[in-house]
Amino acid sequence: MYAVIKTGGKQYRVAPGEKIKVETLEAEVGATIVLDQVLMVADGEAVKVGTPTVAGAKVSATVVSHGRGPKIRIFKMRRRKHYQKTQGHRQNYTEIRVDAINE
């Protein structure tokens, strides 16, 4: 069984027991959260696709940790113009463990 959920403007394919990193959520470590924007639920051959979400479907998950991703280097340069600019960015994330998918 798996589901496709939407959180933080992105879509994720999740199954019970999986750990995924999503955009930062306002929840304490160890807290149980409910993700109700479920776009699709599949259980073997039975597939439910929402328009845009599946009515009554919820995914419950537990917050494992909060953290920051790897540093990404941004380098901009214009040749022959003496212009160079270096920036860095680290995205915050929340790691969650999917506990159950409720249809």
N, C-alpha and C. Protein backbone atom coordinates (compact mmCIF):
# COMPACT_ATOMS: atom_id res chain seq x y z
N MET A 1 0.84 -1.17 0.00
CA MET A 1 0.00 0.00 0.00
C MET A 1 0.89 1.24 0.00
N TYR A 2 0.52 2.22 -0.82
CA TYR A 2 1.24 3.48 -0.83
C TYR A 2 0.28 4.62 -1.16
N ALA A 3 0.77 5.83 -0.94
CA ALA A 3 -0.05 7.01 -1.21
C ALA A 3 0.85 8.11 -1.76
N VAL A 4 0.24 9.06 -2.44
CA VAL A 4 0.94 10.25 -2.90
C VAL A 4 0.36 11.41 -2.12
N ILE A 5 1.23 12.12 -1.37
CA ILE A 5 0.78 13.24 -0.55
C ILE A 5 1.39 14.53 -1.05
N LYS A 6 0.80 15.63 -0.62
CA LYS A 6 1.32 16.95 -0.98
C LYS A 6 1.58 17.71 0.31
N THR A 7 2.80 18.19 0.47
CA THR A 7 3.15 19.03 1.61
C THR A 7 4.31 19.92 1.22
N GLY A 8 4.25 21.16 1.63
CA GLY A 8 5.32 22.10 1.32
C GLY A 8 5.44 22.42 -0.16
N GLY A 9 4.35 22.28 -0.91
CA GLY A 9 4.38 22.58 -2.33
C GLY A 9 5.00 21.48 -3.19
N LYS A 10 5.29 20.33 -2.58
CA LYS A 10 5.88 19.22 -3.31
C LYS A 10 5.04 17.97 -3.10
N GLN A 11 5.21 16.99 -3.96
CA GLN A 11 4.47 15.74 -3.87
C GLN A 11 5.45 14.61 -3.55
N TYR A 12 5.02 13.70 -2.66
CA TYR A 12 5.86 12.60 -2.23
C TYR A 12 5.07 11.30 -2.31
N ARG A 13 5.73 10.23 -2.73
CA ARG A 13 5.14 8.89 -2.71
C ARG A 13 5.60 8.25 -1.40
N VAL A 14 4.65 7.86 -0.55
CA VAL A 14 4.98 7.34 0.77
C VAL A 14 4.33 5.98 0.98
N ALA A 15 4.96 5.19 1.82
CA ALA A 15 4.43 3.89 2.24
C ALA A 15 4.66 3.78 3.75
N PRO A 16 3.86 2.98 4.44
CA PRO A 16 4.05 2.83 5.90
C PRO A 16 5.45 2.34 6.24
N GLY A 17 6.06 2.97 7.23
CA GLY A 17 7.40 2.60 7.67
C GLY A 17 8.52 3.40 7.01
N GLU A 18 8.23 4.15 5.97
CA GLU A 18 9.26 4.94 5.27
C GLU A 18 9.60 6.20 6.05
N LYS A 19 10.84 6.65 5.88
CA LYS A 19 11.26 7.95 6.40
C LYS A 19 11.52 8.86 5.21
N ILE A 20 10.97 10.08 5.25
CA ILE A 20 11.18 11.04 4.17
C ILE A 20 11.51 12.39 4.76
N LYS A 21 12.20 13.20 3.98
CA LYS A 21 12.54 14.56 4.37
C LYS A 21 11.63 15.51 3.60
N VAL A 22 10.87 16.32 4.34
CA VAL A 22 9.93 17.26 3.73
C VAL A 22 10.31 18.67 4.16
N GLU A 23 9.65 19.66 3.56
CA GLU A 23 9.87 21.05 3.97
C GLU A 23 9.55 21.18 5.46
N THR A 24 10.12 22.17 6.11
CA THR A 24 9.99 22.35 7.55
C THR A 24 8.53 22.41 7.98
N LEU A 25 8.19 21.61 8.99
CA LEU A 25 6.87 21.60 9.59
C LEU A 25 6.97 22.11 11.02
N GLU A 26 5.96 22.83 11.46
CA GLU A 26 5.94 23.37 12.83
C GLU A 26 5.41 22.29 13.76
N ALA A 27 6.27 21.37 14.17
CA ALA A 27 5.90 20.30 15.09
C ALA A 27 7.13 19.89 15.88
N GLU A 28 6.89 19.48 17.11
CA GLU A 28 7.98 19.03 17.97
C GLU A 28 8.45 17.63 17.56
N VAL A 29 9.69 17.31 17.90
CA VAL A 29 10.23 15.97 17.63
C VAL A 29 9.44 14.98 18.48
N GLY A 30 8.97 13.91 17.86
CA GLY A 30 8.18 12.91 18.55
C GLY A 30 6.69 13.12 18.42
N ALA A 31 6.27 14.26 17.90
CA ALA A 31 4.84 14.55 17.76
C ALA A 31 4.27 13.78 16.57
N THR A 32 2.99 13.45 16.67
CA THR A 32 2.29 12.79 15.58
C THR A 32 1.55 13.84 14.77
N ILE A 33 1.74 13.81 13.46
CA ILE A 33 1.07 14.77 12.58
C ILE A 33 0.18 14.01 11.61
N VAL A 34 -0.83 14.70 11.11
CA VAL A 34 -1.75 14.11 10.14
C VAL A 34 -1.68 14.93 8.86
N LEU A 35 -1.34 14.28 7.77
CA LEU A 35 -1.27 14.92 6.46
C LEU A 35 -2.54 14.55 5.71
N ASP A 36 -3.39 15.56 5.44
CA ASP A 36 -4.70 15.27 4.85
C ASP A 36 -4.79 15.60 3.37
N GLN A 37 -3.74 16.12 2.78
CA GLN A 37 -3.75 16.37 1.33
C GLN A 37 -3.20 15.14 0.62
N VAL A 38 -4.05 14.13 0.48
CA VAL A 38 -3.68 12.87 -0.15
C VAL A 38 -4.21 12.90 -1.58
N LEU A 39 -3.32 12.81 -2.55
CA LEU A 39 -3.70 12.90 -3.95
C LEU A 39 -4.07 11.56 -4.56
N MET A 40 -3.48 10.47 -4.02
CA MET A 40 -3.75 9.14 -4.56
C MET A 40 -3.46 8.09 -3.50
N VAL A 41 -4.26 7.04 -3.48
CA VAL A 41 -4.04 5.91 -2.58
C VAL A 41 -4.12 4.64 -3.42
N ALA A 42 -3.11 3.78 -3.28
CA ALA A 42 -3.09 2.52 -4.03
C ALA A 42 -2.88 1.37 -3.06
N ASP A 43 -3.72 0.34 -3.20
CA ASP A 43 -3.62 -0.87 -2.39
C ASP A 43 -3.73 -2.06 -3.33
N GLY A 44 -2.59 -2.52 -3.81
CA GLY A 44 -2.57 -3.60 -4.80
C GLY A 44 -3.11 -3.09 -6.13
N GLU A 45 -4.20 -3.71 -6.61
CA GLU A 45 -4.80 -3.29 -7.87
C GLU A 45 -5.82 -2.16 -7.67
N ALA A 46 -6.26 -1.94 -6.44
CA ALA A 46 -7.25 -0.89 -6.16
C ALA A 46 -6.55 0.47 -6.05
N VAL A 47 -6.87 1.37 -6.95
CA VAL A 47 -6.25 2.70 -6.97
C VAL A 47 -7.34 3.75 -6.88
N LYS A 48 -7.19 4.66 -5.91
CA LYS A 48 -8.12 5.78 -5.79
C LYS A 48 -7.37 7.06 -6.12
N VAL A 49 -7.84 7.79 -7.11
CA VAL A 49 -7.22 9.05 -7.51
C VAL A 49 -8.18 10.17 -7.15
N GLY A 50 -7.68 11.19 -6.49
CA GLY A 50 -8.53 12.30 -6.05
C GLY A 50 -8.71 13.35 -7.12
N THR A 51 -9.70 14.21 -6.87
CA THR A 51 -9.96 15.33 -7.78
C THR A 51 -10.10 16.61 -6.98
N PRO A 52 -9.13 17.27 -6.48
CA PRO A 52 -7.71 16.95 -6.51
C PRO A 52 -7.25 16.04 -5.37
N THR A 53 -8.04 15.91 -4.27
CA THR A 53 -7.62 15.04 -3.18
C THR A 53 -8.63 13.93 -2.97
N VAL A 54 -8.18 12.86 -2.35
CA VAL A 54 -9.06 11.73 -2.04
C VAL A 54 -9.84 12.08 -0.78
N ALA A 55 -11.16 12.05 -0.87
CA ALA A 55 -12.01 12.41 0.26
C ALA A 55 -11.84 11.41 1.40
N GLY A 56 -11.58 11.93 2.60
CA GLY A 56 -11.47 11.09 3.78
C GLY A 56 -10.15 10.40 3.99
N ALA A 57 -9.23 10.51 3.06
CA ALA A 57 -7.93 9.84 3.20
C ALA A 57 -6.98 10.70 4.02
N LYS A 58 -6.25 10.05 4.91
CA LYS A 58 -5.27 10.74 5.75
C LYS A 58 -4.03 9.87 5.90
N VAL A 59 -2.89 10.53 6.07
CA VAL A 59 -1.64 9.84 6.34
C VAL A 59 -1.14 10.34 7.69
N SER A 60 -0.92 9.42 8.62
CA SER A 60 -0.39 9.82 9.93
C SER A 60 1.10 9.51 9.96
N ALA A 61 1.85 10.45 10.54
CA ALA A 61 3.31 10.33 10.57
C ALA A 61 3.84 10.87 11.90
N THR A 62 5.06 10.47 12.23
CA THR A 62 5.73 10.93 13.43
C THR A 62 6.96 11.72 13.03
N VAL A 63 7.17 12.86 13.69
CA VAL A 63 8.33 13.70 13.42
C VAL A 63 9.55 13.05 14.06
N VAL A 64 10.56 12.74 13.24
CA VAL A 64 11.78 12.09 13.73
C VAL A 64 12.82 13.14 14.11
N SER A 65 13.05 14.13 13.23
CA SER A 65 14.06 15.15 13.52
C SER A 65 13.86 16.35 12.62
N HIS A 66 14.55 17.42 12.99
CA HIS A 66 14.65 18.61 12.15
C HIS A 66 16.12 18.77 11.79
N GLY A 67 16.40 19.34 10.63
CA GLY A 67 17.80 19.50 10.24
C GLY A 67 17.95 20.45 9.08
N ARG A 68 19.17 20.49 8.56
CA ARG A 68 19.49 21.32 7.41
C ARG A 68 20.19 20.47 6.37
N GLY A 69 19.85 20.68 5.13
CA GLY A 69 20.42 19.90 4.04
C GLY A 69 21.84 20.30 3.73
N PRO A 70 22.43 19.68 2.71
CA PRO A 70 23.80 20.02 2.33
C PRO A 70 23.89 21.42 1.74
N LYS A 71 25.06 22.01 1.82
CA LYS A 71 25.25 23.35 1.29
C LYS A 71 25.33 23.30 -0.23
N ILE A 72 24.60 24.19 -0.85
CA ILE A 72 24.62 24.30 -2.30
C ILE A 72 25.35 25.58 -2.65
N ARG A 73 26.32 25.49 -3.53
CA ARG A 73 27.10 26.66 -3.96
C ARG A 73 26.49 27.27 -5.20
N ILE A 74 26.32 28.58 -5.19
CA ILE A 74 25.83 29.31 -6.35
C ILE A 74 26.95 30.23 -6.80
N PHE A 75 27.41 30.08 -8.03
CA PHE A 75 28.50 30.90 -8.55
C PHE A 75 28.04 31.57 -9.83
N LYS A 76 28.10 32.90 -9.82
CA LYS A 76 27.70 33.66 -11.01
C LYS A 76 28.91 34.41 -11.51
N MET A 77 29.07 34.45 -12.82
CA MET A 77 30.22 35.13 -13.41
C MET A 77 29.86 35.66 -14.79
N ARG A 78 30.33 36.87 -15.07
CA ARG A 78 30.20 37.43 -16.41
C ARG A 78 31.61 37.59 -16.95
N ARG A 79 31.90 36.91 -18.04
CA ARG A 79 33.26 36.94 -18.54
C ARG A 79 33.60 38.34 -19.07
N ARG A 80 34.83 38.71 -18.85
CA ARG A 80 35.41 39.98 -19.30
C ARG A 80 34.79 41.21 -18.63
N LYS A 81 33.98 41.04 -17.62
CA LYS A 81 33.31 42.17 -16.97
C LYS A 81 33.73 42.34 -15.51
N HIS A 82 34.66 41.53 -15.03
CA HIS A 82 35.15 41.59 -13.64
C HIS A 82 34.01 41.42 -12.65
N TYR A 83 33.11 40.51 -12.94
CA TYR A 83 31.97 40.25 -12.06
C TYR A 83 31.98 38.79 -11.66
N GLN A 84 32.11 38.55 -10.36
CA GLN A 84 32.01 37.21 -9.80
C GLN A 84 31.25 37.30 -8.50
N LYS A 85 30.35 36.37 -8.28
CA LYS A 85 29.55 36.38 -7.07
C LYS A 85 29.37 34.94 -6.61
N THR A 86 29.66 34.67 -5.34
CA THR A 86 29.50 33.34 -4.78
C THR A 86 28.49 33.41 -3.64
N GLN A 87 27.53 32.51 -3.66
CA GLN A 87 26.55 32.42 -2.59
C GLN A 87 26.43 30.97 -2.17
N GLY A 88 25.88 30.76 -1.00
CA GLY A 88 25.61 29.41 -0.52
C GLY A 88 24.21 29.36 0.05
N HIS A 89 23.65 28.14 0.10
CA HIS A 89 22.30 27.97 0.64
C HIS A 89 22.18 26.59 1.27
N ARG A 90 21.53 26.54 2.44
CA ARG A 90 21.20 25.27 3.08
C ARG A 90 19.71 25.29 3.40
N GLN A 91 19.00 24.32 2.88
CA GLN A 91 17.55 24.25 3.07
C GLN A 91 17.21 23.51 4.36
N ASN A 92 16.28 24.06 5.13
CA ASN A 92 15.80 23.39 6.34
C ASN A 92 14.84 22.27 5.95
N TYR A 93 14.81 21.21 6.74
CA TYR A 93 13.89 20.11 6.47
C TYR A 93 13.40 19.50 7.78
N THR A 94 12.33 18.72 7.68
CA THR A 94 11.81 17.92 8.78
C THR A 94 11.77 16.48 8.29
N GLU A 95 12.35 15.58 9.06
CA GLU A 95 12.32 14.17 8.71
C GLU A 95 11.14 13.52 9.43
N ILE A 96 10.28 12.85 8.66
CA ILE A 96 9.11 12.20 9.24
C ILE A 96 9.12 10.72 8.90
N ARG A 97 8.48 9.93 9.77
CA ARG A 97 8.31 8.49 9.54
C ARG A 97 6.81 8.25 9.36
N VAL A 98 6.43 7.66 8.25
CA VAL A 98 5.02 7.40 7.96
C VAL A 98 4.57 6.19 8.77
N ASP A 99 3.51 6.38 9.57
CA ASP A 99 3.00 5.32 10.42
C ASP A 99 1.87 4.54 9.75
N ALA A 100 0.90 5.26 9.19
CA ALA A 100 -0.27 4.57 8.63
C ALA A 100 -0.91 5.42 7.54
N ILE A 101 -1.56 4.72 6.62
CA ILE A 101 -2.35 5.37 5.57
C ILE A 101 -3.80 4.96 5.79
N ASN A 102 -4.66 5.94 6.08
CA ASN A 102 -6.07 5.67 6.33
C ASN A 102 -6.90 6.14 5.15
N GLU A 103 -7.68 5.24 4.58
CA GLU A 103 -8.50 5.59 3.42
C GLU A 103 -9.80 6.22 3.86
